[in-house]
Every structure is written in structure tokens, then in C-alpha cells.
Amino acid sequence: MNAKIGTMAGAVWTALNENGVMTAKDLKKATKAKNEKELFMAIGWLLREDKLNVEEDEKNVSLSLK
């Protein structure tokens, strides 16, 4: 499971590196994540490593690389 989430974290990082700021919905499409659980665990991995900025407005949460 850790290898799978690590691979997805790499895909999230790559998508953000190529596109800049993205929402979780956009990241799910860009990474071709099978489900939100997989995506959110990968985002958590990157947050734990202090590699993401998170910004929230009234409707969306946006993520970008630090």
C-alpha cells in the first residue's frame, strides 16, 4: 500500500510541477487516480513532507508546490 501511495504522491507532485495551482478535482483527472481515497492519501503524504501549499476559498481548496 505504501508503494502505491508513494507512486501517487509522485504523480501529484509531477502534475503540480507542470501545472502550478490545481484543485483536488483537477489533480484527480491529471493523475488518473482511481478514487479520491488514493488521491487524498497521496496529498497527505506530500503535506507531511511539507511540500505543498494549501489555499482555501469559499468553494475550493487549491494546492501548489512550495
PDB file of N, CA and C in Angstrom:
ATOM      1  N   MET A   1       0.826  -1.197   0.000  1.00  0.00           N
ATOM      2  CA  MET A   1       0.000   0.000   0.000  1.00  0.00           C
ATOM      3  C   MET A   1       0.869   1.259   0.000  1.00  0.00           C
ATOM      4  N   ASN A   2       1.954   1.261   0.801  1.00  0.00           N
ATOM      5  CA  ASN A   2       2.814   2.446   0.849  1.00  0.00           C
ATOM      6  C   ASN A   2       3.435   2.748  -0.504  1.00  0.00           C
ATOM      7  N   ALA A   3       3.829   1.716  -1.226  1.00  0.00           N
ATOM      8  CA  ALA A   3       4.421   1.930  -2.550  1.00  0.00           C
ATOM      9  C   ALA A   3       3.401   2.547  -3.503  1.00  0.00           C
ATOM     10  N   LYS A   4       2.168   2.091  -3.426  1.00  0.00           N
ATOM     11  CA  LYS A   4       1.110   2.617  -4.288  1.00  0.00           C
ATOM     12  C   LYS A   4       0.849   4.088  -3.986  1.00  0.00           C
ATOM     13  N   ILE A   5       0.777   4.440  -2.702  1.00  0.00           N
ATOM     14  CA  ILE A   5       0.532   5.824  -2.304  1.00  0.00           C
ATOM     15  C   ILE A   5       1.748   6.684  -2.644  1.00  0.00           C
ATOM     16  N   GLY A   6       2.946   6.144  -2.469  1.00  0.00           N
ATOM     17  CA  GLY A   6       4.155   6.868  -2.844  1.00  0.00           C
ATOM     18  C   GLY A   6       4.200   7.176  -4.331  1.00  0.00           C
ATOM     19  N   THR A   7       3.781   6.223  -5.135  1.00  0.00           N
ATOM     20  CA  THR A   7       3.721   6.430  -6.583  1.00  0.00           C
ATOM     21  C   THR A   7       2.707   7.510  -6.925  1.00  0.00           C
ATOM     22  N   MET A   8       1.559   7.482  -6.261  1.00  0.00           N
ATOM     23  CA  MET A   8       0.535   8.505  -6.494  1.00  0.00           C
ATOM     24  C   MET A   8       1.027   9.873  -6.019  1.00  0.00           C
ATOM     25  N   ALA A   9       1.762   9.919  -4.908  1.00  0.00           N
ATOM     26  CA  ALA A   9       2.328  11.184  -4.437  1.00  0.00           C
ATOM     27  C   ALA A   9       3.269  11.760  -5.486  1.00  0.00           C
ATOM     28  N   GLY A  10       4.044  10.901  -6.129  1.00  0.00           N
ATOM     29  CA  GLY A  10       4.914  11.346  -7.213  1.00  0.00           C
ATOM     30  C   GLY A  10       4.124  11.898  -8.384  1.00  0.00           C
ATOM     31  N   ALA A  11       3.007  11.267  -8.702  1.00  0.00           N
ATOM     32  CA  ALA A  11       2.146  11.741  -9.789  1.00  0.00           C
ATOM     33  C   ALA A  11       1.522  13.091  -9.444  1.00  0.00           C
ATOM     34  N   VAL A  12       1.124  13.269  -8.185  1.00  0.00           N
ATOM     35  CA  VAL A  12       0.571  14.552  -7.735  1.00  0.00           C
ATOM     36  C   VAL A  12       1.639  15.630  -7.848  1.00  0.00           C
ATOM     37  N   TRP A  13       2.838  15.332  -7.361  1.00  0.00           N
ATOM     38  CA  TRP A  13       3.937  16.296  -7.415  1.00  0.00           C
ATOM     39  C   TRP A  13       4.220  16.693  -8.858  1.00  0.00           C
ATOM     40  N   THR A  14       4.274  15.715  -9.755  1.00  0.00           N
ATOM     41  CA  THR A  14       4.551  15.979 -11.168  1.00  0.00           C
ATOM     42  C   THR A  14       3.461  16.855 -11.784  1.00  0.00           C
ATOM     43  N   ALA A  15       2.207  16.555 -11.496  1.00  0.00           N
ATOM     44  CA  ALA A  15       1.090  17.340 -12.044  1.00  0.00           C
ATOM     45  C   ALA A  15       1.161  18.782 -11.556  1.00  0.00           C
ATOM     46  N   LEU A  16       1.457  18.970 -10.270  1.00  0.00           N
ATOM     47  CA  LEU A  16       1.566  20.327  -9.743  1.00  0.00           C
ATOM     48  C   LEU A  16       2.784  21.046 -10.303  1.00  0.00           C
ATOM     49  N   ASN A  17       3.859  20.344 -10.502  1.00  0.00           N
ATOM     50  CA  ASN A  17       5.071  20.936 -11.067  1.00  0.00           C
ATOM     51  C   ASN A  17       4.821  21.414 -12.498  1.00  0.00           C
ATOM     52  N   GLU A  18       4.042  20.664 -13.242  1.00  0.00           N
ATOM     53  CA  GLU A  18       3.751  21.019 -14.634  1.00  0.00           C
ATOM     54  C   GLU A  18       2.666  22.079 -14.766  1.00  0.00           C
ATOM     55  N   ASN A  19       1.695  22.089 -13.835  1.00  0.00           N
ATOM     56  CA  ASN A  19       0.519  22.949 -13.991  1.00  0.00           C
ATOM     57  C   ASN A  19       0.392  24.070 -12.977  1.00  0.00           C
ATOM     58  N   GLY A  20       1.203  24.081 -11.947  1.00  0.00           N
ATOM     59  CA  GLY A  20       1.089  25.125 -10.925  1.00  0.00           C
ATOM     60  C   GLY A  20      -0.024  24.803  -9.952  1.00  0.00           C
ATOM     61  N   VAL A  21      -0.917  25.731  -9.734  1.00  0.00           N
ATOM     62  CA  VAL A  21      -2.003  25.582  -8.769  1.00  0.00           C
ATOM     63  C   VAL A  21      -3.117  24.728  -9.362  1.00  0.00           C
ATOM     64  N   MET A  22      -3.584  23.744  -8.574  1.00  0.00           N
ATOM     65  CA  MET A  22      -4.661  22.858  -9.038  1.00  0.00           C
ATOM     66  C   MET A  22      -5.595  22.539  -7.866  1.00  0.00           C
ATOM     67  N   THR A  23      -6.846  22.236  -8.200  1.00  0.00           N
ATOM     68  CA  THR A  23      -7.795  21.753  -7.200  1.00  0.00           C
ATOM     69  C   THR A  23      -7.681  20.241  -7.118  1.00  0.00           C
ATOM     70  N   ALA A  24      -8.261  19.662  -6.087  1.00  0.00           N
ATOM     71  CA  ALA A  24      -8.257  18.204  -5.940  1.00  0.00           C
ATOM     72  C   ALA A  24      -8.962  17.549  -7.125  1.00  0.00           C
ATOM     73  N   LYS A  25     -10.021  18.159  -7.600  1.00  0.00           N
ATOM     74  CA  LYS A  25     -10.749  17.620  -8.753  1.00  0.00           C
ATOM     75  C   LYS A  25      -9.845  17.582  -9.985  1.00  0.00           C
ATOM     76  N   ASP A  26      -9.099  18.659 -10.212  1.00  0.00           N
ATOM     77  CA  ASP A  26      -8.177  18.709 -11.342  1.00  0.00           C
ATOM     78  C   ASP A  26      -7.044  17.695 -11.174  1.00  0.00           C
ATOM     79  N   LEU A  27      -6.559  17.551  -9.940  1.00  0.00           N
ATOM     80  CA  LEU A  27      -5.492  16.591  -9.668  1.00  0.00           C
ATOM     81  C   LEU A  27      -5.958  15.161  -9.913  1.00  0.00           C
ATOM     82  N   LYS A  28      -7.197  14.876  -9.555  1.00  0.00           N
ATOM     83  CA  LYS A  28      -7.720  13.527  -9.763  1.00  0.00           C
ATOM     84  C   LYS A  28      -7.704  13.178 -11.250  1.00  0.00           C
ATOM     85  N   LYS A  29      -8.094  14.135 -12.083  1.00  0.00           N
ATOM     86  CA  LYS A  29      -8.076  13.913 -13.533  1.00  0.00           C
ATOM     87  C   LYS A  29      -6.646  13.804 -14.050  1.00  0.00           C
ATOM     88  N   ALA A  30      -5.780  14.716 -13.609  1.00  0.00           N
ATOM     89  CA  ALA A  30      -4.410  14.762 -14.124  1.00  0.00           C
ATOM     90  C   ALA A  30      -3.599  13.522 -13.748  1.00  0.00           C
ATOM     91  N   THR A  31      -3.854  12.984 -12.560  1.00  0.00           N
ATOM     92  CA  THR A  31      -3.086  11.823 -12.092  1.00  0.00           C
ATOM     93  C   THR A  31      -3.757  10.501 -12.454  1.00  0.00           C
ATOM     94  N   LYS A  32      -4.983  10.596 -12.947  1.00  0.00           N
ATOM     95  CA  LYS A  32      -5.773   9.395 -13.257  1.00  0.00           C
ATOM     96  C   LYS A  32      -5.947   8.508 -12.032  1.00  0.00           C
ATOM     97  N   ALA A  33      -6.144   9.165 -10.870  1.00  0.00           N
ATOM     98  CA  ALA A  33      -6.374   8.429  -9.624  1.00  0.00           C
ATOM     99  C   ALA A  33      -7.658   7.616  -9.748  1.00  0.00           C
ATOM    100  N   LYS A  34      -7.626   6.397  -9.251  1.00  0.00           N
ATOM    101  CA  LYS A  34      -8.792   5.518  -9.334  1.00  0.00           C
ATOM    102  C   LYS A  34      -9.918   5.975  -8.416  1.00  0.00           C
ATOM    103  N   ASN A  35      -9.553   6.588  -7.283  1.00  0.00           N
ATOM    104  CA  ASN A  35     -10.562   7.060  -6.337  1.00  0.00           C
ATOM    105  C   ASN A  35      -9.998   8.205  -5.510  1.00  0.00           C
ATOM    106  N   GLU A  36     -10.878   8.906  -4.807  1.00  0.00           N
ATOM    107  CA  GLU A  36     -10.448  10.043  -4.001  1.00  0.00           C
ATOM    108  C   GLU A  36      -9.584   9.620  -2.822  1.00  0.00           C
ATOM    109  N   LYS A  37      -9.850   8.462  -2.271  1.00  0.00           N
ATOM    110  CA  LYS A  37      -9.070   7.968  -1.127  1.00  0.00           C
ATOM    111  C   LYS A  37      -7.588   7.901  -1.484  1.00  0.00           C
ATOM    112  N   GLU A  38      -7.284   7.316  -2.624  1.00  0.00           N
ATOM    113  CA  GLU A  38      -5.909   7.194  -3.102  1.00  0.00           C
ATOM    114  C   GLU A  38      -5.273   8.577  -3.285  1.00  0.00           C
ATOM    115  N   LEU A  39      -6.023   9.496  -3.876  1.00  0.00           N
ATOM    116  CA  LEU A  39      -5.527  10.847  -4.109  1.00  0.00           C
ATOM    117  C   LEU A  39      -5.268  11.567  -2.790  1.00  0.00           C
ATOM    118  N   PHE A  40      -6.220  11.492  -1.867  1.00  0.00           N
ATOM    119  CA  PHE A  40      -6.070  12.217  -0.610  1.00  0.00           C
ATOM    120  C   PHE A  40      -4.959  11.650   0.264  1.00  0.00           C
ATOM    121  N   MET A  41      -4.717  10.352   0.197  1.00  0.00           N
ATOM    122  CA  MET A  41      -3.579   9.795   0.929  1.00  0.00           C
ATOM    123  C   MET A  41      -2.271  10.310   0.342  1.00  0.00           C
ATOM    124  N   ALA A  42      -2.210  10.440  -0.969  1.00  0.00           N
ATOM    125  CA  ALA A  42      -1.010  10.977  -1.614  1.00  0.00           C
ATOM    126  C   ALA A  42      -0.806  12.443  -1.247  1.00  0.00           C
ATOM    127  N   ILE A  43      -1.879  13.209  -1.221  1.00  0.00           N
ATOM    128  CA  ILE A  43      -1.786  14.614  -0.815  1.00  0.00           C
ATOM    129  C   ILE A  43      -1.309  14.697   0.634  1.00  0.00           C
ATOM    130  N   GLY A  44      -1.842  13.843   1.492  1.00  0.00           N
ATOM    131  CA  GLY A  44      -1.405  13.807   2.889  1.00  0.00           C
ATOM    132  C   GLY A  44       0.075  13.496   3.017  1.00  0.00           C
ATOM    133  N   TRP A  45       0.557  12.579   2.196  1.00  0.00           N
ATOM    134  CA  TRP A  45       1.977  12.210   2.177  1.00  0.00           C
ATOM    135  C   TRP A  45       2.821  13.461   1.892  1.00  0.00           C
ATOM    136  N   LEU A  46       2.425  14.204   0.845  1.00  0.00           N
ATOM    137  CA  LEU A  46       3.178  15.400   0.466  1.00  0.00           C
ATOM    138  C   LEU A  46       3.039  16.515   1.500  1.00  0.00           C
ATOM    139  N   LEU A  47       1.885  16.613   2.128  1.00  0.00           N
ATOM    140  CA  LEU A  47       1.719  17.606   3.192  1.00  0.00           C
ATOM    141  C   LEU A  47       2.619  17.278   4.378  1.00  0.00           C
ATOM    142  N   ARG A  48       2.699  16.009   4.727  1.00  0.00           N
ATOM    143  CA  ARG A  48       3.548  15.569   5.834  1.00  0.00           C
ATOM    144  C   ARG A  48       5.018  15.888   5.558  1.00  0.00           C
ATOM    145  N   GLU A  49       5.403  15.792   4.282  1.00  0.00           N
ATOM    146  CA  GLU A  49       6.776  16.124   3.897  1.00  0.00           C
ATOM    147  C   GLU A  49       6.968  17.621   3.673  1.00  0.00           C
ATOM    148  N   ASP A  50       5.930  18.420   3.956  1.00  0.00           N
ATOM    149  CA  ASP A  50       5.963  19.887   3.842  1.00  0.00           C
ATOM    150  C   ASP A  50       6.317  20.335   2.420  1.00  0.00           C
ATOM    151  N   LYS A  51       5.705  19.695   1.426  1.00  0.00           N
ATOM    152  CA  LYS A  51       5.992  20.013   0.031  1.00  0.00           C
ATOM    153  C   LYS A  51       4.852  20.748  -0.663  1.00  0.00           C
ATOM    154  N   LEU A  52       3.727  20.958   0.038  1.00  0.00           N
ATOM    155  CA  LEU A  52       2.571  21.587  -0.591  1.00  0.00           C
ATOM    156  C   LEU A  52       2.133  22.847   0.142  1.00  0.00           C
ATOM    157  N   ASN A  53       1.611  23.790  -0.632  1.00  0.00           N
ATOM    158  CA  ASN A  53       0.871  24.933  -0.101  1.00  0.00           C
ATOM    159  C   ASN A  53      -0.602  24.630  -0.301  1.00  0.00           C
ATOM    160  N   VAL A  54      -1.417  24.985   0.676  1.00  0.00           N
ATOM    161  CA  VAL A  54      -2.862  24.779   0.579  1.00  0.00           C
ATOM    162  C   VAL A  54      -3.539  26.124   0.773  1.00  0.00           C
ATOM    163  N   GLU A  55      -4.391  26.493  -0.172  1.00  0.00           N
ATOM    164  CA  GLU A  55      -5.166  27.721  -0.073  1.00  0.00           C
ATOM    165  C   GLU A  55      -6.636  27.380  -0.253  1.00  0.00           C
ATOM    166  N   GLU A  56      -7.460  28.018   0.556  1.00  0.00           N
ATOM    167  CA  GLU A  56      -8.884  27.710   0.538  1.00  0.00           C
ATOM    168  C   GLU A  56      -9.682  28.986   0.313  1.00  0.00           C
ATOM    169  N   ASP A  57     -10.671  28.909  -0.576  1.00  0.00           N
ATOM    170  CA  ASP A  57     -11.635  29.985  -0.717  1.00  0.00           C
ATOM    171  C   ASP A  57     -13.009  29.422  -0.382  1.00  0.00           C
ATOM    172  N   GLU A  58     -14.053  30.126  -0.701  1.00  0.00           N
ATOM    173  CA  GLU A  58     -15.400  29.687  -0.325  1.00  0.00           C
ATOM    174  C   GLU A  58     -15.813  28.380  -0.994  1.00  0.00           C
ATOM    175  N   LYS A  59     -15.286  28.092  -2.173  1.00  0.00           N
ATOM    176  CA  LYS A  59     -15.745  26.930  -2.924  1.00  0.00           C
ATOM    177  C   LYS A  59     -14.704  25.842  -3.094  1.00  0.00           C
ATOM    178  N   ASN A  60     -13.430  26.186  -3.141  1.00  0.00           N
ATOM    179  CA  ASN A  60     -12.397  25.207  -3.492  1.00  0.00           C
ATOM    180  C   ASN A  60     -11.194  25.263  -2.561  1.00  0.00           C
ATOM    181  N   VAL A  61     -10.470  24.163  -2.564  1.00  0.00           N
ATOM    182  CA  VAL A  61      -9.158  24.093  -1.936  1.00  0.00           C
ATOM    183  C   VAL A  61      -8.172  23.932  -3.084  1.00  0.00           C
ATOM    184  N   SER A  62      -7.184  24.816  -3.128  1.00  0.00           N
ATOM    185  CA  SER A  62      -6.182  24.765  -4.178  1.00  0.00           C
ATOM    186  C   SER A  62      -4.852  24.350  -3.601  1.00  0.00           C
ATOM    187  N   LEU A  63      -4.126  23.533  -4.362  1.00  0.00           N
ATOM    188  CA  LEU A  63      -2.838  23.029  -3.928  1.00  0.00           C
ATOM    189  C   LEU A  63      -1.759  23.470  -4.912  1.00  0.00           C
ATOM    190  N   SER A  64      -0.570  23.737  -4.373  1.00  0.00           N
ATOM    191  CA  SER A  64       0.583  24.063  -5.200  1.00  0.00           C
ATOM    192  C   SER A  64       1.839  23.581  -4.476  1.00  0.00           C
ATOM    193  N   LEU A  65       2.941  23.516  -5.194  1.00  0.00           N
ATOM    194  CA  LEU A  65       4.204  23.109  -4.590  1.00  0.00           C
ATOM    195  C   LEU A  65       4.812  24.280  -3.849  1.00  0.00           C
ATOM    196  N   LYS A  66       5.555  23.963  -2.790  1.00  0.00           N
ATOM    197  CA  LYS A  66       6.282  25.008  -2.058  1.00  0.00           C
ATOM    198  C   LYS A  66       7.529  25.375  -2.805  1.00  0.00           C
TER     199      LYS A  66
END
